[in-house]
Protein backbone atom coordinates (compact mmCIF):
# COMPACT_ATOMS: atom_id res chain seq x y z
CA MET A 1 104.72 109.71 52.63
CA HIS A 2 104.63 110.61 56.33
CA ASP A 3 107.05 111.40 59.09
CA ARG A 4 105.35 109.69 61.97
CA PRO A 5 107.23 106.77 63.61
CA ILE A 6 106.25 103.26 62.58
CA VAL A 7 106.12 101.16 65.71
CA ASP A 8 103.63 98.48 64.76
CA TYR A 9 101.43 97.20 61.93
CA ARG A 10 98.67 99.74 62.45
CA SER A 11 101.05 102.69 62.46
CA SER A 12 102.36 101.55 59.10
CA LEU A 13 98.95 101.84 57.40
CA ALA A 14 98.24 104.87 55.27
CA THR A 15 95.68 107.36 56.49
CA PRO A 16 92.78 108.24 54.15
CA GLU A 17 94.58 111.47 53.24
CA GLU A 18 97.80 109.59 52.43
CA THR A 19 95.87 107.06 50.38
CA ALA A 20 94.27 109.91 48.42
CA LYS A 21 97.70 111.45 47.75
CA MET A 22 99.10 108.11 46.62
CA THR A 23 96.18 107.77 44.18
CA GLU A 24 96.81 111.27 42.92
CA VAL A 25 100.52 110.54 42.35
CA HIS A 26 99.70 107.16 40.73
CA GLN A 27 97.27 108.80 38.29
CA GLY A 28 99.79 111.58 37.63
CA LEU A 29 102.49 109.03 36.76
CA LEU A 30 100.16 107.09 34.50
CA SER A 31 99.12 110.29 32.68
CA ARG A 32 102.81 111.02 32.08
CA GLY A 33 103.51 107.56 30.62
CA ILE A 34 105.05 105.96 33.73
CA PHE A 35 103.48 102.66 34.77
CA CYS A 36 103.60 101.56 38.40
CA ALA A 37 101.34 99.77 40.81
CA PRO A 38 98.71 101.76 42.75
CA THR A 39 100.93 101.31 45.80
CA LEU A 40 103.59 103.25 43.82
CA ALA A 41 105.80 100.13 43.66
CA GLY A 42 107.74 99.83 40.43
CA THR A 43 111.00 98.45 39.09
CA LEU A 44 114.01 99.73 37.23
CA SER A 45 115.22 97.77 34.23
CA THR A 46 118.76 97.15 32.98
CA PRO A 47 117.98 98.65 29.54
CA MET A 48 116.92 101.93 31.15
CA ASP A 49 119.28 104.76 30.48
CA GLU A 50 119.77 108.10 32.13
CA ALA A 51 117.05 109.69 30.04
CA ASP A 52 114.55 107.11 31.27
CA VAL A 53 115.48 107.69 34.90
CA ASN A 54 115.28 111.46 34.39
CA ALA A 55 111.84 111.08 32.81
CA PHE A 56 110.67 109.11 35.85
CA VAL A 57 112.08 111.62 38.31
CA SER A 58 110.49 114.52 36.44
CA ALA A 59 107.10 112.74 36.20
CA PHE A 60 107.24 111.88 39.91
CA ALA A 61 108.07 115.45 40.92
CA GLU A 62 105.34 116.84 38.70
CA SER A 63 102.86 114.35 40.16
CA LEU A 64 103.79 115.44 43.65
CA GLY A 65 103.32 119.04 42.60
CA VAL A 66 106.94 120.07 43.11
CA GLY A 67 108.10 119.99 39.54
């Protein structure tokens, strides 16, 4: 969620602002019926169809405030 170069461990850590945005997106996904970890890690499943993927993409975009 950033465009700065990652050159070491410390530069890979999220800033407080990035952590807040990740929490906002996580809560937005949960409120739209999409479960993922607070780190926004999730998985796709073989039984998922195109409608499921589209639902995830829409929920993610809405949670980011772009949908």
